[in-house]
C-alpha atoms as a PDB file:
ATOM      1  CA  ARG A   1     -87.528 149.739 151.616  1.00  0.00           C
ATOM      2  CA  ARG A   2     -88.002 153.528 151.459  1.00  0.00           C
ATOM      3  CA  LEU A   3     -84.233 154.000 151.745  1.00  0.00           C
ATOM      4  CA  GLY A   4     -83.777 151.695 148.785  1.00  0.00           C
ATOM      5  CA  GLN A   5     -86.432 153.490 146.769  1.00  0.00           C
ATOM      6  CA  ALA A   6     -84.788 156.824 147.527  1.00  0.00           C
ATOM      7  CA  ALA A   7     -81.520 155.560 146.087  1.00  0.00           C
ATOM      8  CA  GLU A   8     -83.213 154.184 142.978  1.00  0.00           C
ATOM      9  CA  TYR A   9     -85.184 157.353 142.274  1.00  0.00           C
ATOM     10  CA  ARG A  10     -81.929 159.263 142.775  1.00  0.00           C
ATOM     11  CA  ASP A  11     -80.447 157.006 140.085  1.00  0.00           C
ATOM     12  CA  ASN A  12     -83.232 157.883 137.611  1.00  0.00           C
ATOM     13  CA  GLU A  13     -84.871 154.483 138.109  1.00  0.00           C
ATOM     14  CA  THR A  14     -88.576 153.766 138.594  1.00  0.00           C
ATOM     15  CA  GLY A  15     -88.165 151.634 141.701  1.00  0.00           C
ATOM     16  CA  LYS A  16     -88.920 148.482 139.706  1.00  0.00           C
ATOM     17  CA  HIS A  17     -85.228 147.562 139.909  1.00  0.00           C
ATOM     18  CA  ILE A  18     -85.337 147.125 143.669  1.00  0.00           C
ATOM     19  CA  GLN A  19     -88.573 145.141 143.440  1.00  0.00           C
ATOM     20  CA  ARG A  20     -87.136 142.746 140.884  1.00  0.00           C
ATOM     21  CA  MET A  21     -83.769 142.534 142.584  1.00  0.00           C
ATOM     22  CA  SER A  22     -85.229 141.818 146.031  1.00  0.00           C
ATOM     23  CA  HIS A  23     -87.495 139.085 144.650  1.00  0.00           C
ATOM     24  CA  TYR A  24     -84.628 137.581 142.632  1.00  0.00           C
ATOM     25  CA  SER A  25     -82.484 137.581 145.765  1.00  0.00           C
ATOM     26  CA  SER A  26     -85.126 135.914 147.925  1.00  0.00           C
ATOM     27  CA  LEU A  27     -85.743 133.279 145.263  1.00  0.00           C
ATOM     28  CA  ILE A  28     -82.035 132.485 144.908  1.00  0.00           C
ATOM     29  CA  GLY A  29     -81.769 132.399 148.698  1.00  0.00           C
ATOM     30  CA  ARG A  30     -84.616 129.900 148.966  1.00  0.00           C
ATOM     31  CA  ALA A  31     -83.061 127.664 146.308  1.00  0.00           C
ATOM     32  CA  SER A  32     -79.688 127.830 148.056  1.00  0.00           C
ATOM     33  CA  GLY A  33     -81.153 126.598 151.348  1.00  0.00           C
ATOM     34  CA  LEU A  34     -82.011 129.711 153.352  1.00  0.00           C
ATOM     35  CA  ASP A  35     -84.892 129.192 155.753  1.00  0.00           C
ATOM     36  CA  ALA A  36     -88.099 131.219 155.494  1.00  0.00           C
ATOM     37  CA  HIS A  37     -86.913 133.790 158.051  1.00  0.00           C
ATOM     38  CA  ASP A  38     -83.672 134.482 156.202  1.00  0.00           C
ATOM     39  CA  GLN A  39     -85.482 134.587 152.857  1.00  0.00           C
ATOM     40  CA  GLU A  40     -87.741 137.316 154.205  1.00  0.00           C
ATOM     41  CA  LEU A  41     -84.760 139.101 155.761  1.00  0.00           C
ATOM     42  CA  LEU A  42     -83.028 139.058 152.386  1.00  0.00           C
ATOM     43  CA  MET A  43     -86.182 140.328 150.680  1.00  0.00           C
ATOM     44  CA  GLN A  44     -86.418 143.266 153.092  1.00  0.00           C
ATOM     45  CA  ALA A  45     -82.700 144.120 153.293  1.00  0.00           C
ATOM     46  CA  SER A  46     -81.671 143.838 149.649  1.00  0.00           C
ATOM     47  CA  PRO A  47     -83.537 146.981 148.477  1.00  0.00           C
ATOM     48  CA  MET A  48     -81.043 149.031 150.504  1.00  0.00           C
ATOM     49  CA  HIS A  49     -78.003 147.661 148.646  1.00  0.00           C
ATOM     50  CA  ASP A  50     -77.381 150.926 146.756  1.00  0.00           C
ATOM     51  CA  VAL A  51     -78.494 153.411 149.411  1.00  0.00           C
ATOM     52  CA  GLY A  52     -75.001 154.935 149.309  1.00  0.00           C
ATOM     53  CA  LYS A  53     -75.745 156.305 145.835  1.00  0.00           C
ATOM     54  CA  ILE A  54     -77.530 159.116 147.658  1.00  0.00           C
ATOM     55  CA  GLY A  55     -74.042 160.542 148.244  1.00  0.00           C
ATOM     56  CA  ILE A  56     -72.814 160.301 144.632  1.00  0.00           C
ATOM     57  CA  PRO A  57     -72.972 163.481 142.487  1.00  0.00           C
ATOM     58  CA  ASP A  58     -75.584 163.541 139.719  1.00  0.00           C
ATOM     59  CA  SER A  59     -72.856 164.333 137.204  1.00  0.00           C
ATOM     60  CA  ILE A  60     -71.444 160.850 137.825  1.00  0.00           C
ATOM     61  CA  LEU A  61     -74.552 158.894 138.740  1.00  0.00           C
ATOM     62  CA  LEU A  62     -76.544 159.996 135.694  1.00  0.00           C
ATOM     63  CA  LYS A  63     -73.710 160.429 133.203  1.00  0.00           C
ATOM     64  CA  PRO A  64     -74.892 158.950 129.877  1.00  0.00           C
ATOM     65  CA  GLY A  65     -71.436 157.855 128.733  1.00  0.00           C
ATOM     66  CA  LYS A  66     -68.384 156.064 130.044  1.00  0.00           C
ATOM     67  CA  LEU A  67     -67.070 157.118 133.440  1.00  0.00           C
ATOM     68  CA  THR A  68     -63.478 158.262 133.682  1.00  0.00           C
ATOM     69  CA  ASP A  69     -61.187 156.371 136.052  1.00  0.00           C
ATOM     70  CA  GLU A  70     -61.550 159.206 138.548  1.00  0.00           C
ATOM     71  CA  GLU A  71     -65.340 159.174 138.279  1.00  0.00           C
ATOM     72  CA  PHE A  72     -65.481 155.410 138.703  1.00  0.00           C
ATOM     73  CA  THR A  73     -63.323 155.724 141.828  1.00  0.00           C
ATOM     74  CA  VAL A  74     -65.941 158.104 143.237  1.00  0.00           C
ATOM     75  CA  MET A  75     -68.759 155.802 142.097  1.00  0.00           C
ATOM     76  CA  LYS A  76     -67.248 152.880 143.988  1.00  0.00           C
ATOM     77  CA  THR A  77     -67.505 154.801 147.257  1.00  0.00           C
ATOM     78  CA  HIS A  78     -71.273 154.219 147.282  1.00  0.00           C
ATOM     79  CA  THR A  79     -70.614 150.879 149.007  1.00  0.00           C
ATOM     80  CA  LEU A  80     -68.767 152.579 151.867  1.00  0.00           C
ATOM     81  CA  LEU A  81     -71.294 155.406 152.047  1.00  0.00           C
ATOM     82  CA  GLY A  82     -74.097 152.856 152.262  1.00  0.00           C
ATOM     83  CA  GLY A  83     -72.275 151.028 155.011  1.00  0.00           C
ATOM     84  CA  GLN A  84     -71.888 154.258 156.955  1.00  0.00           C
ATOM     85  CA  LEU A  85     -75.558 155.168 156.569  1.00  0.00           C
ATOM     86  CA  LEU A  86     -76.691 151.777 157.853  1.00  0.00           C
ATOM     87  CA  ASP A  87     -73.998 151.153 160.453  1.00  0.00           C
ATOM     88  CA  ALA A  88     -75.669 152.806 163.440  1.00  0.00           C
ATOM     89  CA  GLU A  89     -78.890 150.801 163.236  1.00  0.00           C
ATOM     90  CA  PRO A  90     -78.987 147.901 165.752  1.00  0.00           C
ATOM     91  CA  SER A  91     -81.797 145.803 164.263  1.00  0.00           C
ATOM     92  CA  LEU A  92     -81.059 142.528 162.480  1.00  0.00           C
ATOM     93  CA  LEU A  93     -82.681 143.892 159.325  1.00  0.00           C
ATOM     94  CA  MET A  94     -80.435 146.936 159.204  1.00  0.00           C
ATOM     95  CA  ARG A  95     -77.323 144.954 160.111  1.00  0.00           C
ATOM     96  CA  THR A  96     -78.114 142.651 157.200  1.00  0.00           C
ATOM     97  CA  ALA A  97     -78.665 145.643 154.913  1.00  0.00           C
ATOM     98  CA  HIS A  98     -75.318 147.039 156.095  1.00  0.00           C
ATOM     99  CA  THR A  99     -73.586 143.779 155.175  1.00  0.00           C
ATOM    100  CA  ILE A 100     -75.204 143.714 151.733  1.00  0.00           C
ATOM    101  CA  ALA A 101     -74.419 147.371 151.014  1.00  0.00           C
ATOM    102  CA  LEU A 102     -70.746 146.739 151.761  1.00  0.00           C
ATOM    103  CA  SER A 103     -70.367 143.424 149.964  1.00  0.00           C
ATOM    104  CA  HIS A 104     -72.546 143.393 146.835  1.00  0.00           C
ATOM    105  CA  HIS A 105     -69.668 144.586 144.622  1.00  0.00           C
ATOM    106  CA  GLU A 106     -67.147 142.070 145.943  1.00  0.00           C
ATOM    107  CA  ARG A 107     -66.162 139.346 143.471  1.00  0.00           C
ATOM    108  CA  TRP A 108     -65.578 135.625 143.970  1.00  0.00           C
ATOM    109  CA  ASP A 109     -61.977 135.932 142.706  1.00  0.00           C
ATOM    110  CA  GLY A 110     -61.127 138.765 145.105  1.00  0.00           C
ATOM    111  CA  SER A 111     -60.962 141.549 142.514  1.00  0.00           C
ATOM    112  CA  GLY A 112     -64.066 143.406 143.706  1.00  0.00           C
ATOM    113  CA  TYR A 113     -64.523 146.360 146.032  1.00  0.00           C
ATOM    114  CA  PRO A 114     -64.385 147.884 148.580  1.00  0.00           C
ATOM    115  CA  ASN A 115     -62.432 145.261 150.555  1.00  0.00           C
ATOM    116  CA  GLY A 116     -61.211 142.752 147.974  1.00  0.00           C
ATOM    117  CA  LEU A 117     -62.938 139.842 149.713  1.00  0.00           C
ATOM    118  CA  LYS A 118     -62.879 136.491 147.943  1.00  0.00           C
ATOM    119  CA  ARG A 119     -64.869 133.269 147.879  1.00  0.00           C
ATOM    120  CA  GLU A 120     -66.600 132.505 151.210  1.00  0.00           C
ATOM    121  CA  GLU A 121     -65.097 135.623 152.789  1.00  0.00           C
ATOM    122  CA  ILE A 122     -67.928 137.417 151.000  1.00  0.00           C
ATOM    123  CA  PRO A 123     -71.131 137.097 153.059  1.00  0.00           C
ATOM    124  CA  LEU A 124     -73.651 134.782 151.409  1.00  0.00           C
ATOM    125  CA  MET A 125     -76.325 137.453 151.196  1.00  0.00           C
ATOM    126  CA  GLY A 126     -73.854 139.781 149.512  1.00  0.00           C
ATOM    127  CA  ARG A 127     -72.992 137.079 146.980  1.00  0.00           C
ATOM    128  CA  ILE A 128     -76.668 136.478 146.268  1.00  0.00           C
ATOM    129  CA  CYS A 129     -77.434 140.178 145.854  1.00  0.00           C
ATOM    130  CA  SER A 130     -74.442 140.647 143.577  1.00  0.00           C
ATOM    131  CA  LEU A 131     -75.789 138.069 141.149  1.00  0.00           C
ATOM    132  CA  ALA A 132     -79.356 139.379 141.322  1.00  0.00           C
ATOM    133  CA  ASP A 133     -78.215 142.981 140.920  1.00  0.00           C
ATOM    134  CA  VAL A 134     -76.021 142.303 137.889  1.00  0.00           C
ATOM    135  CA  PHE A 135     -78.666 140.231 136.111  1.00  0.00           C
ATOM    136  CA  ASP A 136     -81.199 143.010 136.526  1.00  0.00           C
ATOM    137  CA  ALA A 137     -78.699 145.705 135.529  1.00  0.00           C
ATOM    138  CA  LEU A 138     -77.722 143.805 132.388  1.00  0.00           C
ATOM    139  CA  THR A 139     -81.321 143.250 131.291  1.00  0.00           C
ATOM    140  CA  SER A 140     -82.536 146.770 132.127  1.00  0.00           C
ATOM    141  CA  LYS A 141     -82.260 150.077 130.329  1.00  0.00           C
ATOM    142  CA  ARG A 142     -80.009 152.569 132.084  1.00  0.00           C
ATOM    143  CA  PRO A 143     -79.066 156.184 131.251  1.00  0.00           C
ATOM    144  CA  TYR A 144     -75.785 154.893 129.798  1.00  0.00           C
ATOM    145  CA  LYS A 145     -76.881 151.633 128.087  1.00  0.00           C
ATOM    146  CA  GLN A 146     -79.597 149.688 126.319  1.00  0.00           C
ATOM    147  CA  PRO A 147     -80.770 146.390 127.858  1.00  0.00           C
ATOM    148  CA  TRP A 148     -79.137 143.103 126.986  1.00  0.00           C
ATOM    149  CA  SER A 149     -81.347 140.180 126.027  1.00  0.00           C
ATOM    150  CA  VAL A 150     -82.003 137.605 128.749  1.00  0.00           C
ATOM    151  CA  GLY A 151     -80.065 134.999 126.788  1.00  0.00           C
ATOM    152  CA  ARG A 152     -77.026 137.198 126.461  1.00  0.00           C
ATOM    153  CA  ALA A 153     -77.129 138.175 130.141  1.00  0.00           C
ATOM    154  CA  VAL A 154     -77.387 134.539 131.268  1.00  0.00           C
ATOM    155  CA  GLU A 155     -74.442 133.547 129.070  1.00  0.00           C
ATOM    156  CA  GLU A 156     -72.377 136.371 130.551  1.00  0.00           C
ATOM    157  CA  ILE A 157     -73.261 135.317 134.097  1.00  0.00           C
ATOM    158  CA  LYS A 158     -72.273 131.728 133.301  1.00  0.00           C
ATOM    159  CA  ARG A 159     -69.028 132.967 131.772  1.00  0.00           C
ATOM    160  CA  CYS A 160     -68.281 134.900 134.947  1.00  0.00           C
ATOM    161  CA  SER A 161     -68.904 131.912 137.230  1.00  0.00           C
ATOM    162  CA  GLY A 162     -65.868 131.488 139.456  1.00  0.00           C
ATOM    163  CA  ALA A 163     -64.616 134.977 138.652  1.00  0.00           C
ATOM    164  CA  ALA A 164     -67.321 137.482 139.565  1.00  0.00           C
ATOM    165  CA  PHE A 165     -69.839 135.062 141.031  1.00  0.00           C
ATOM    166  CA  ASP A 166     -70.070 132.083 143.370  1.00  0.00           C
ATOM    167  CA  PRO A 167     -70.221 129.065 140.999  1.00  0.00           C
ATOM    168  CA  ASN A 168     -72.818 127.326 143.153  1.00  0.00           C
ATOM    169  CA  LEU A 169     -75.105 130.351 143.021  1.00  0.00           C
ATOM    170  CA  VAL A 170     -74.697 130.579 139.252  1.00  0.00           C
ATOM    171  CA  ARG A 171     -75.752 126.925 138.969  1.00  0.00           C
ATOM    172  CA  ILE A 172     -78.780 127.589 141.174  1.00  0.00           C
ATOM    173  CA  PHE A 173     -79.658 130.728 139.216  1.00  0.00           C
ATOM    174  CA  CYS A 174     -79.678 128.794 135.945  1.00  0.00           C
ATOM    175  CA  GLU A 175     -81.829 126.039 137.458  1.00  0.00           C
ATOM    176  CA  ILE A 176     -84.490 128.504 138.625  1.00  0.00           C
ATOM    177  CA  LEU A 177     -84.321 130.792 135.589  1.00  0.00           C
ATOM    178  CA  PRO A 178     -87.984 130.190 134.622  1.00  0.00           C
ATOM    179  CA  GLU A 179     -89.033 131.499 138.051  1.00  0.00           C
ATOM    180  CA  ILE A 180     -86.625 134.432 137.720  1.00  0.00           C
ATOM    181  CA  LEU A 181     -88.203 135.373 134.396  1.00  0.00           C
ATOM    182  CA  LYS A 182     -91.693 135.279 135.919  1.00  0.00           C
ATOM    183  CA  ILE A 183     -90.530 137.908 138.408  1.00  0.00           C
ATOM    184  CA  LYS A 184     -89.059 139.983 135.593  1.00  0.00           C
ATOM    185  CA  ASP A 185     -92.396 139.861 133.769  1.00  0.00           C
ATOM    186  CA  ASN A 186     -94.296 140.809 136.932  1.00  0.00           C
ATOM    187  CA  PHE A 187     -92.285 144.013 137.487  1.00  0.00           C
ATOM    188  CA  PRO A 188     -91.700 145.550 134.029  1.00  0.00           C
ATOM    189  CA  GLU A 189     -90.404 149.057 133.506  1.00  0.00           C
ATOM    190  CA  PRO A 190     -93.141 151.480 132.368  1.00  0.00           C
ATOM    191  CA  ASP A 191     -91.298 152.189 129.118  1.00  0.00           C
ATOM    192  CA  GLU A 192     -89.645 148.792 128.737  1.00  0.00           C
ATOM    193  CA  VAL A 193     -88.261 148.233 125.254  1.00  0.00           C
ATOM    194  CA  GLU A 194     -87.376 145.075 123.377  1.00  0.00           C
ATOM    195  CA  PRO A 195     -83.862 144.010 124.453  1.00  0.00           C
ATOM    196  CA  VAL A 196     -81.037 144.417 121.978  1.00  0.00           C
ATOM    197  CA  ASN A 197     -79.389 141.064 121.241  1.00  0.00           C
ATOM    198  CA  LEU A 198     -76.190 142.308 119.637  1.00  0.00           C
ATOM    199  CA  PHE A 199     -72.703 141.721 120.995  1.00  0.00           C
ATOM    200  CA  SER A 200     -71.617 144.863 119.124  1.00  0.00           C
ATOM    201  CA  GLU A 201     -73.610 146.886 121.666  1.00  0.00           C
ATOM    202  CA  ARG A 202     -71.107 147.713 124.388  1.00  0.00           C
ATOM    203  CA  PHE A 203     -71.138 148.704 128.001  1.00  0.00           C
ATOM    204  CA  PRO A 204     -68.960 151.611 129.115  1.00  0.00           C
ATOM    205  CA  GLY A 205     -65.348 150.487 129.158  1.00  0.00           C
ATOM    206  CA  ALA A 206     -65.925 147.576 126.852  1.00  0.00           C
ATOM    207  CA  GLY A 207     -64.116 148.869 123.787  1.00  0.00           C
ATOM    208  CA  ASP A 208     -64.235 146.479 120.839  1.00  0.00           C
ATOM    209  CA  ASP A 209     -63.733 143.281 122.823  1.00  0.00           C
ATOM    210  CA  THR A 210     -65.442 140.195 121.434  1.00  0.00           C
ATOM    211  CA  PRO A 211     -67.242 137.602 123.589  1.00  0.00           C
ATOM    212  CA  GLY A 212     -64.771 135.420 125.426  1.00  0.00           C
ATOM    213  CA  SER A 213     -61.767 137.602 124.621  1.00  0.00           C
ATOM    214  CA  VAL A 214     -61.811 139.597 127.838  1.00  0.00           C
ATOM    215  CA  ALA A 215     -61.630 138.818 131.523  1.00  0.00           C
ATOM    216  CA  PRO A 216     -65.002 137.749 132.969  1.00  0.00           C
ATOM    217  CA  GLY A 217     -67.082 140.779 133.849  1.00  0.00           C
ATOM    218  CA  ARG A 218     -65.000 143.307 131.938  1.00  0.00           C
ATOM    219  CA  ARG A 219     -67.857 144.263 129.620  1.00  0.00           C
ATOM    220  CA  TRP A 220     -70.122 145.229 132.517  1.00  0.00           C
ATOM    221  CA  GLY A 221     -67.455 146.100 135.075  1.00  0.00           C
ATOM    222  CA  THR A 222     -68.606 149.711 135.233  1.00  0.00           C
ATOM    223  CA  VAL A 223     -72.311 148.981 135.607  1.00  0.00           C
ATOM    224  CA  ARG A 224     -73.323 151.440 138.313  1.00  0.00           C
END
């Protein structure tokens, strides 16, 4: 967990992100049929999903505006860097963390990175962490964005079902949303602000696209 916290503090976060994300992941895992051992494994491994950000320059990681194509190419290497950092550890926990670090930016339709895996080629724990990570990123304040409302974030996740996310996990996520929101309330940011519920507020790279007019995930495709 300390590795995960190091990455989050490096990313100008409070550490609450990894707490929420790990609890979201464990909850989704439980609802999708993971046994108690694997739920705990997911809880302990998921905080290390972004450990590779330790190797990303501050000028990119903390940039308040849109990343250039070249900067985003560098940003994407955090998955490979994380995999390298965790690769030498023989324990089941660290092997699981290695898998998650490498796969949490893969997409159900095969358009993700770093390996372009699709559907069940993506490890289940990576698919779970991807969904948990994006939900928390969308609903949290970042150096380059204001938070989306929960309602807007859920609609975007549903819209991206079958493109960015495993449709079965999206269904499960929606079914357990009340429990997800309890976790969100239990781990608030110290300076949490009221979410902005305006589609005119854009993520980097979003341009002037309107809801439904762009490929699923385009509006948050550069969430770091």
